[in-house]
Amino acid sequence: MSGSRSDRPAVYLDYNATAPLRPEALEAMTRALEAGGNPSSVHGPGRRARATVEDAREAVAALVNARPEQVIFTSGGTEADALALTGTGRARAIVSAVEHDAVLKAHPETRLCPVDSHGILDLEALAALLAEEPEPARVIVSVMLANNETGAVQPVKKAAKIAHDAGAIIHCDAVQGPGRMAVDIHALRVDLLTLSAHKLGGPPGVGALIVADPLALAPVQRGGGQERGKRAGTENVPGIAGFGAVAKVLASRGREEAEAARALQERLEAGIADIAPSAVIHGAGAAARLPNTTCVGLPGVTNQSQLMALDLGGVAVSAGAACSSGKVAASHVLRAMGLSEETAREAVRISLGWASTVADVDAFLEAWRPLARRARPVATVDGGVAQRT
């Protein structure tokens, strides 16, 4: 890349943190903001606001093959996770060791279920943990659909069967799924499912918890009777409108976007392997992985050094989850997969999305090339060079 930083277009490759706002969402939000109205009011503006909310509810429900009445709008994925894990009234939670902090920190009595070296839930360990519970019916299990750092897709349906056979219920944080893979609450057989608009190209500050029937759910946020008494507070009508607009876009273009992302991911990872033979794609050995997510480790080069150099080159990526106040630390996901702290601190995440292009991928590779020259070779047991795990 050439030219000063000020005249370089930014290359945004951090969709798993938040996706750029889609024009359809902006248009829907603008209409809602201009219309105004409280959806709990019975006058005309209130009824129109209510219609906007319910239209979005139908679109979000359809996105995951649910019914509209199963959708509870929240302030985002974190609140939806908290409502699932605490609102169901279960005394204990068993969650995978690679969950987002929104799940790991949601319940006061949490046990971690280990994962294998590819970041996939250990189903035998899950069954054993449930067998140790004196009252499994008072347990909630939480397993994410796909990991936000490695993209590894979890065996949620199998985990659900294990949980239900033991008498427990199961929640799935699916915020990274829509638009990248099929998401069907019935096919997954989970009791609760979390979504977040800003991961999909919608606005931040709005999410949803999808609740299967019949399942009692006590509100965590109390006050008014909004969201059928499950979540108090005036609904974020513009945000919900944007969420609904994105859900409609994904219903028509989701598969096409996922296929485009897969092609870009293949180009990206082929380029990485060509530039840096010692680089490691973490989670590449998983049976299934999101088509937009690549977590790459560069031996001998810290993620902080990589992030700084890439940012100076006009390329935005991350070192993992973007919910730790800007901290660059060793990923708990990679540590749970058995990596050393040093190795975990050498990984960055590239995540693609609806507006990503070949030019974006090539810009990343060009900006990353000088960093790759600083990488050290990684010897395998037979003296070769490790490329992937």
Protein backbone atom coordinates (compact mmCIF):
# COMPACT_ATOMS: atom_id res chain seq x y z
CA MET A 1 0.00 0.00 0.00
CA SER A 2 1.23 3.52 -0.68
CA GLY A 3 0.37 7.06 0.27
CA SER A 4 -0.08 8.68 3.65
CA ARG A 5 -2.32 7.18 6.26
CA SER A 6 -4.82 10.01 5.89
CA ASP A 7 -5.54 9.23 2.24
CA ARG A 8 -5.80 5.46 2.69
CA PRO A 9 -9.28 3.97 2.86
CA ALA A 10 -9.70 1.97 6.05
CA VAL A 11 -9.94 -1.79 5.55
CA TYR A 12 -12.41 -3.12 8.11
CA LEU A 13 -12.04 -6.82 8.92
CA ASP A 14 -13.57 -7.00 12.41
CA TYR A 15 -17.16 -8.02 11.67
CA ASN A 16 -17.34 -10.43 14.61
CA ALA A 17 -16.89 -7.44 16.91
CA THR A 18 -19.47 -5.35 15.09
CA ALA A 19 -20.52 -5.19 11.47
CA PRO A 20 -20.87 -1.90 9.58
CA LEU A 21 -24.44 -0.69 9.53
CA ARG A 22 -26.32 -1.88 6.46
CA PRO A 23 -28.16 0.77 4.42
CA GLU A 24 -31.44 -1.10 4.88
CA ALA A 25 -31.06 -0.85 8.66
CA LEU A 26 -30.22 2.86 8.51
CA GLU A 27 -33.26 3.54 6.36
CA ALA A 28 -35.57 1.65 8.72
CA MET A 29 -34.11 3.36 11.76
CA THR A 30 -34.44 6.79 10.20
CA ARG A 31 -38.11 6.19 9.44
CA ALA A 32 -38.71 5.06 13.02
CA LEU A 33 -36.87 8.04 14.48
CA GLU A 34 -38.84 10.45 12.34
CA ALA A 35 -42.16 8.78 13.21
CA GLY A 36 -41.60 8.76 16.96
CA GLY A 37 -44.23 7.34 19.29
CA ASN A 38 -44.18 5.04 22.29
CA PRO A 39 -45.31 1.51 21.39
CA SER A 40 -47.19 1.23 24.69
CA SER A 41 -49.39 4.24 23.87
CA VAL A 42 -52.84 3.69 22.41
CA HIS A 43 -52.97 6.77 20.15
CA GLY A 44 -52.05 6.78 16.48
CA PRO A 45 -48.29 7.42 16.82
CA GLY A 46 -48.13 4.76 19.54
CA ARG A 47 -49.97 2.23 17.40
CA ARG A 48 -47.63 2.92 14.49
CA ALA A 49 -44.61 2.43 16.75
CA ARG A 50 -46.13 -0.84 17.98
CA ALA A 51 -46.63 -1.96 14.39
CA THR A 52 -42.95 -1.26 13.68
CA VAL A 53 -41.89 -3.37 16.66
CA GLU A 54 -44.19 -6.26 15.77
CA ASP A 55 -43.13 -6.24 12.13
CA ALA A 56 -39.52 -6.53 13.25
CA ARG A 57 -40.47 -9.27 15.71
CA GLU A 58 -41.90 -11.33 12.88
CA ALA A 59 -38.76 -10.86 10.78
CA VAL A 60 -36.40 -11.80 13.61
CA ALA A 61 -38.50 -14.83 14.49
CA ALA A 62 -38.48 -16.01 10.87
CA LEU A 63 -34.69 -15.68 10.79
CA VAL A 64 -34.37 -18.59 13.24
CA ASN A 65 -37.63 -20.46 12.46
CA ALA A 66 -39.36 -19.29 15.61
CA ARG A 67 -42.77 -17.76 16.26
CA PRO A 68 -43.05 -14.00 16.89
CA GLU A 69 -44.37 -14.51 20.41
CA GLN A 70 -41.16 -16.36 21.27
CA VAL A 71 -39.02 -13.26 20.63
CA ILE A 72 -38.07 -11.00 23.54
CA PHE A 73 -36.23 -7.85 22.49
CA THR A 74 -33.34 -6.81 24.74
CA SER A 75 -30.55 -4.22 24.76
CA GLY A 76 -28.18 -6.70 23.11
CA GLY A 77 -26.64 -10.15 23.28
CA THR A 78 -25.21 -9.66 26.76
CA GLU A 79 -28.59 -8.87 28.30
CA ALA A 80 -30.20 -11.73 26.41
CA ASP A 81 -27.56 -14.14 27.74
CA ALA A 82 -28.07 -12.87 31.29
CA LEU A 83 -31.84 -13.19 30.98
CA ALA A 84 -31.47 -16.77 29.75
CA LEU A 85 -29.01 -17.93 32.39
CA THR A 86 -30.59 -16.20 35.39
CA GLY A 87 -34.22 -15.67 34.39
CA THR A 88 -34.85 -19.40 34.09
CA GLY A 89 -34.20 -19.77 37.81
CA ARG A 90 -31.75 -22.67 37.55
CA ALA A 91 -29.42 -23.01 40.53
CA ARG A 92 -26.31 -23.86 38.50
CA ALA A 93 -24.95 -23.39 35.00
CA ILE A 94 -22.63 -25.59 32.95
CA VAL A 95 -21.07 -23.68 30.07
CA SER A 96 -18.38 -24.43 27.54
CA ALA A 97 -14.92 -23.08 28.37
CA VAL A 98 -14.85 -21.06 25.14
CA GLU A 99 -18.03 -19.07 25.72
CA HIS A 100 -18.13 -15.31 25.45
CA ASP A 101 -17.74 -13.44 28.75
CA ALA A 102 -21.44 -12.55 28.52
CA VAL A 103 -22.15 -16.23 29.27
CA LEU A 104 -19.12 -17.03 31.43
CA LYS A 105 -20.00 -14.25 33.89
CA ALA A 106 -23.79 -14.39 33.74
CA HIS A 107 -24.53 -16.96 36.44
CA PRO A 108 -23.09 -16.92 39.98
CA GLU A 109 -22.72 -20.72 40.07
CA THR A 110 -20.98 -21.77 36.87
CA ARG A 111 -18.98 -24.87 35.96
CA LEU A 112 -16.85 -25.00 32.82
CA CYS A 113 -17.01 -27.86 30.35
CA PRO A 114 -13.69 -28.42 28.53
CA VAL A 115 -13.10 -28.34 24.79
CA ASP A 116 -10.64 -30.23 22.59
CA SER A 117 -7.59 -28.81 20.80
CA HIS A 118 -9.82 -27.52 17.99
CA GLY A 119 -12.09 -25.69 20.42
CA ILE A 120 -14.97 -28.16 20.16
CA LEU A 121 -17.07 -29.00 23.20
CA ASP A 122 -16.19 -32.30 24.89
CA LEU A 123 -19.58 -34.02 24.87
CA GLU A 124 -18.45 -36.85 27.15
CA ALA A 125 -17.28 -34.30 29.69
CA LEU A 126 -20.64 -32.54 29.46
CA ALA A 127 -22.46 -35.79 30.19
CA ALA A 128 -20.13 -36.47 33.12
CA LEU A 129 -20.66 -33.00 34.59
CA LEU A 130 -24.42 -33.41 34.38
CA ALA A 131 -24.18 -36.87 35.96
CA GLU A 132 -22.39 -35.31 38.93
CA GLU A 133 -25.23 -32.87 39.52
CA PRO A 134 -27.50 -33.92 42.41
CA GLU A 135 -30.43 -32.11 40.77
CA PRO A 136 -29.82 -31.81 37.01
CA ALA A 137 -33.31 -30.41 36.54
CA ARG A 138 -32.02 -27.29 38.30
CA VAL A 139 -29.18 -26.87 35.79
CA ILE A 140 -28.95 -24.78 32.64
CA VAL A 141 -26.36 -25.68 30.00
CA SER A 142 -25.05 -23.00 27.64
CA VAL A 143 -23.18 -23.79 24.43
CA MET A 144 -22.52 -21.19 21.74
CA LEU A 145 -23.41 -21.93 18.13
CA ALA A 146 -20.06 -20.82 16.72
CA ASN A 147 -17.03 -19.38 18.42
CA ASN A 148 -16.49 -15.67 17.96
CA GLU A 149 -12.69 -16.02 17.88
CA THR A 150 -11.98 -19.18 15.88
CA GLY A 151 -15.30 -19.67 14.07
CA ALA A 152 -15.49 -23.29 15.24
CA VAL A 153 -19.08 -24.53 15.02
CA GLN A 154 -20.20 -26.37 18.14
CA PRO A 155 -22.22 -29.63 18.29
CA VAL A 156 -25.20 -27.85 19.82
CA LYS A 157 -27.82 -30.39 18.79
CA LYS A 158 -25.85 -33.23 20.42
CA ALA A 159 -25.27 -31.13 23.53
CA ALA A 160 -29.00 -30.41 23.68
CA LYS A 161 -29.83 -34.11 23.65
CA ILE A 162 -27.36 -34.77 26.47
CA ALA A 163 -28.79 -31.89 28.50
CA HIS A 164 -32.41 -32.88 27.95
CA ASP A 165 -31.76 -36.56 28.65
CA ALA A 166 -30.32 -35.50 32.02
CA GLY A 167 -33.31 -33.27 32.75
CA ALA A 168 -31.52 -29.95 32.24
CA ILE A 169 -32.38 -27.12 29.87
CA ILE A 170 -30.02 -25.60 27.31
CA HIS A 171 -29.27 -22.13 25.99
CA CYS A 172 -27.36 -21.26 22.83
CA ASP A 173 -25.57 -17.96 22.19
CA ALA A 174 -26.02 -17.75 18.41
CA VAL A 175 -24.97 -14.16 17.83
CA GLN A 176 -22.28 -15.09 15.28
CA GLY A 177 -24.51 -17.44 13.29
CA PRO A 178 -27.12 -15.66 11.16
CA GLY A 179 -25.88 -14.70 7.72
CA ARG A 180 -22.98 -17.13 8.05
CA MET A 181 -24.80 -20.42 8.60
CA ALA A 182 -28.34 -21.71 8.96
CA VAL A 183 -29.87 -21.06 12.38
CA ASP A 184 -33.03 -22.95 13.34
CA ILE A 185 -34.07 -23.09 16.98
CA HIS A 186 -36.09 -26.27 16.37
CA ALA A 187 -33.30 -28.08 14.51
CA LEU A 188 -30.86 -27.15 17.26
CA ARG A 189 -33.38 -28.34 19.88
CA VAL A 190 -32.38 -25.64 22.36
CA ASP A 191 -34.68 -24.01 24.88
CA LEU A 192 -33.29 -20.49 24.54
CA LEU A 193 -31.30 -18.75 21.83
CA THR A 194 -29.54 -15.37 21.81
CA LEU A 195 -29.21 -12.97 18.87
CA SER A 196 -27.59 -9.54 18.51
CA ALA A 197 -28.31 -7.02 15.76
CA HIS A 198 -24.94 -5.32 15.47
CA LYS A 199 -23.17 -8.58 14.59
CA LEU A 200 -25.35 -8.79 11.48
CA GLY A 201 -25.12 -5.23 10.17
CA GLY A 202 -27.87 -3.86 12.38
CA PRO A 203 -27.49 -1.21 15.07
CA PRO A 204 -25.80 -1.73 18.44
CA GLY A 205 -27.95 -1.68 21.55
CA VAL A 206 -30.57 -4.22 20.46
CA GLY A 207 -30.71 -8.00 20.66
CA ALA A 208 -33.20 -10.76 21.27
CA LEU A 209 -33.73 -13.84 23.37
CA ILE A 210 -35.79 -16.52 21.64
CA VAL A 211 -37.64 -18.65 24.20
CA ALA A 212 -39.02 -22.06 23.33
CA ASP A 213 -42.35 -23.15 24.76
CA PRO A 214 -43.21 -24.01 27.41
CA LEU A 215 -40.53 -22.40 29.57
CA ALA A 216 -41.06 -20.08 32.51
CA LEU A 217 -38.84 -17.01 32.43
CA ALA A 218 -38.66 -14.42 35.19
CA PRO A 219 -37.69 -10.88 34.16
CA VAL A 220 -34.26 -9.69 35.24
CA GLN A 221 -35.08 -6.07 34.45
CA ARG A 222 -38.29 -5.13 36.23
CA GLY A 223 -40.61 -2.20 35.90
CA GLY A 224 -43.31 -1.97 33.25
CA GLY A 225 -44.96 -4.83 31.45
CA GLN A 226 -43.17 -4.52 28.12
CA GLU A 227 -42.14 -7.59 26.11
CA ARG A 228 -44.99 -9.62 27.57
CA GLY A 229 -43.71 -8.92 31.07
CA LYS A 230 -40.31 -10.48 30.38
CA ARG A 231 -38.23 -7.32 29.93
CA ALA A 232 -39.28 -3.96 31.35
CA GLY A 233 -38.50 -0.65 29.69
CA THR A 234 -39.71 1.26 26.66
CA GLU A 235 -38.70 -0.63 23.56
CA ASN A 236 -35.86 0.78 21.45
CA VAL A 237 -38.10 1.25 18.43
CA PRO A 238 -35.46 2.59 15.99
CA GLY A 239 -33.01 -0.14 16.99
CA ILE A 240 -35.64 -2.85 16.72
CA ALA A 241 -36.67 -1.50 13.31
CA GLY A 242 -33.05 -1.76 12.16
CA PHE A 243 -32.82 -5.30 13.54
CA GLY A 244 -35.93 -6.31 11.65
CA ALA A 245 -34.64 -4.79 8.42
CA VAL A 246 -31.41 -6.77 8.68
CA ALA A 247 -33.33 -9.98 9.41
CA LYS A 248 -35.28 -9.47 6.19
CA VAL A 249 -32.07 -8.90 4.22
CA LEU A 250 -30.53 -12.09 5.58
CA ALA A 251 -33.66 -14.06 4.77
CA SER A 252 -33.11 -13.26 1.09
CA ARG A 253 -29.32 -12.89 0.85
CA GLY A 254 -27.85 -14.78 3.80
CA ARG A 255 -26.76 -17.86 1.87
CA GLU A 256 -25.28 -15.77 -0.93
CA GLU A 257 -23.30 -13.69 1.56
CA ALA A 258 -22.01 -16.79 3.34
CA GLU A 259 -20.78 -18.26 0.06
CA ALA A 260 -19.02 -15.00 -0.81
CA ALA A 261 -17.38 -14.92 2.61
CA ARG A 262 -16.17 -18.51 2.20
CA ALA A 263 -14.46 -17.63 -1.08
CA LEU A 264 -12.74 -14.65 0.56
CA GLN A 265 -11.73 -16.77 3.55
CA GLU A 266 -10.11 -19.34 1.26
CA ARG A 267 -8.18 -16.59 -0.52
CA LEU A 268 -7.11 -15.10 2.81
CA GLU A 269 -5.89 -18.36 4.32
CA ALA A 270 -4.10 -19.42 1.15
CA GLY A 271 -2.32 -16.07 1.18
CA ILE A 272 -1.39 -16.45 4.83
CA ALA A 273 0.09 -19.90 4.22
CA ASP A 274 2.06 -18.60 1.25
CA ILE A 275 3.45 -15.57 3.09
CA ALA A 276 4.17 -17.24 6.44
CA PRO A 277 4.55 -21.05 6.38
CA SER A 278 4.93 -21.07 10.16
CA ALA A 279 1.59 -19.31 10.72
CA VAL A 280 -1.12 -21.31 12.46
CA ILE A 281 -4.84 -21.12 11.72
CA HIS A 282 -6.37 -21.91 15.10
CA GLY A 283 -9.49 -24.03 14.94
CA ALA A 284 -8.91 -25.06 11.32
CA GLY A 285 -9.19 -28.71 12.37
CA ALA A 286 -12.77 -28.29 13.57
CA ALA A 287 -15.36 -30.28 11.65
CA ALA A 288 -17.10 -27.04 10.68
CA ARG A 289 -16.06 -23.41 10.89
CA LEU A 290 -17.76 -20.12 10.08
CA PRO A 291 -17.00 -18.97 6.53
CA ASN A 292 -15.97 -15.51 7.68
CA THR A 293 -13.65 -16.13 10.64
CA THR A 294 -9.89 -16.74 10.64
CA CYS A 295 -7.80 -16.78 13.82
CA VAL A 296 -4.13 -16.77 12.84
CA GLY A 297 -1.12 -17.11 15.09
CA LEU A 298 2.23 -15.70 14.01
CA PRO A 299 5.01 -17.33 16.07
CA GLY A 300 7.30 -14.81 17.69
CA VAL A 301 5.15 -11.76 16.92
CA THR A 302 2.70 -10.61 19.59
CA ASN A 303 -0.87 -9.78 18.75
CA GLN A 304 -0.30 -6.27 20.11
CA SER A 305 2.54 -5.71 17.64
CA GLN A 306 0.39 -7.06 14.82
CA LEU A 307 -2.63 -4.92 15.73
CA MET A 308 -0.55 -1.75 15.94
CA ALA A 309 1.24 -2.37 12.64
CA LEU A 310 -1.98 -3.28 10.84
CA ASP A 311 -3.79 -0.25 12.24
CA LEU A 312 -0.99 2.00 10.98
CA GLY A 313 -1.45 0.29 7.62
CA GLY A 314 -5.16 1.15 7.63
CA VAL A 315 -6.35 -2.38 8.40
CA ALA A 316 -8.68 -3.11 11.33
CA VAL A 317 -8.64 -6.59 12.88
CA SER A 318 -8.78 -7.72 16.51
CA ALA A 319 -7.06 -9.96 19.02
CA GLY A 320 -10.28 -11.75 19.95
CA ALA A 321 -13.48 -10.65 21.65
CA ALA A 322 -13.94 -6.88 21.57
CA CYS A 323 -15.60 -6.60 24.98
CA SER A 324 -12.64 -6.10 27.32
CA SER A 325 -12.24 -2.31 27.35
CA GLY A 326 -9.65 -2.30 24.61
CA LYS A 327 -7.32 -4.73 26.37
CA VAL A 328 -4.98 -6.89 24.30
CA ALA A 329 -4.56 -10.07 26.31
CA ALA A 330 -4.13 -13.78 25.90
CA SER A 331 -7.37 -15.28 24.58
CA HIS A 332 -9.20 -17.48 27.09
CA VAL A 333 -10.57 -19.39 24.07
CA LEU A 334 -7.10 -20.32 22.83
CA ARG A 335 -5.95 -21.11 26.36
CA ALA A 336 -8.93 -23.47 26.77
CA MET A 337 -7.82 -25.18 23.55
CA GLY A 338 -4.51 -26.01 25.23
CA LEU A 339 -2.30 -23.27 23.84
CA SER A 340 0.34 -21.67 26.04
CA GLU A 341 -0.15 -18.07 27.11
CA GLU A 342 2.72 -17.02 24.84
CA THR A 343 1.18 -18.72 21.81
CA ALA A 344 -2.26 -17.33 22.61
CA ARG A 345 -0.75 -13.84 22.67
CA GLU A 346 0.45 -14.27 19.08
CA ALA A 347 -3.01 -14.63 17.50
CA VAL A 348 -5.20 -12.11 15.73
CA ARG A 349 -8.70 -12.57 14.35
CA ILE A 350 -9.77 -11.54 10.88
CA SER A 351 -13.54 -11.56 10.41
CA LEU A 352 -15.26 -10.82 7.11
CA GLY A 353 -18.76 -9.63 6.37
CA TRP A 354 -21.39 -8.25 4.06
CA ALA A 355 -19.25 -5.46 2.56
CA SER A 356 -15.89 -7.30 2.46
CA THR A 357 -14.10 -7.51 -0.87
CA VAL A 358 -11.14 -9.20 -2.53
CA ALA A 359 -9.35 -5.85 -2.26
CA ASP A 360 -9.82 -5.93 1.54
CA VAL A 361 -8.28 -9.38 1.79
CA ASP A 362 -5.35 -8.42 -0.42
CA ALA A 363 -4.82 -5.23 1.59
CA PHE A 364 -4.60 -7.26 4.78
CA LEU A 365 -2.07 -9.66 3.26
CA GLU A 366 0.06 -6.77 2.00
CA ALA A 367 0.01 -5.03 5.39
CA TRP A 368 0.69 -8.31 7.22
CA ARG A 369 3.58 -9.37 4.99
CA PRO A 370 6.28 -7.34 6.82
CA LEU A 371 5.09 -8.83 10.13
CA ALA A 372 5.33 -12.33 8.70
CA ARG A 373 9.01 -11.77 7.94
CA ARG A 374 9.56 -11.47 11.70
CA ALA A 375 7.94 -14.83 12.47
CA ARG A 376 10.04 -17.67 13.76
CA PRO A 377 9.76 -21.18 12.27
CA VAL A 378 7.90 -23.70 14.39
CA ALA A 379 9.45 -27.16 14.30
CA THR A 380 7.21 -30.21 14.32
CA VAL A 381 8.19 -33.51 15.92
CA ASP A 382 9.65 -34.75 12.64
CA GLY A 383 11.63 -31.58 12.03
CA GLY A 384 9.21 -30.06 9.53
CA VAL A 385 7.38 -26.74 9.83
CA ALA A 386 3.95 -26.48 11.41
CA GLN A 387 1.45 -24.56 9.29
CA ARG A 388 -1.92 -25.25 10.86
CA THR A 389 -3.69 -26.83 13.77
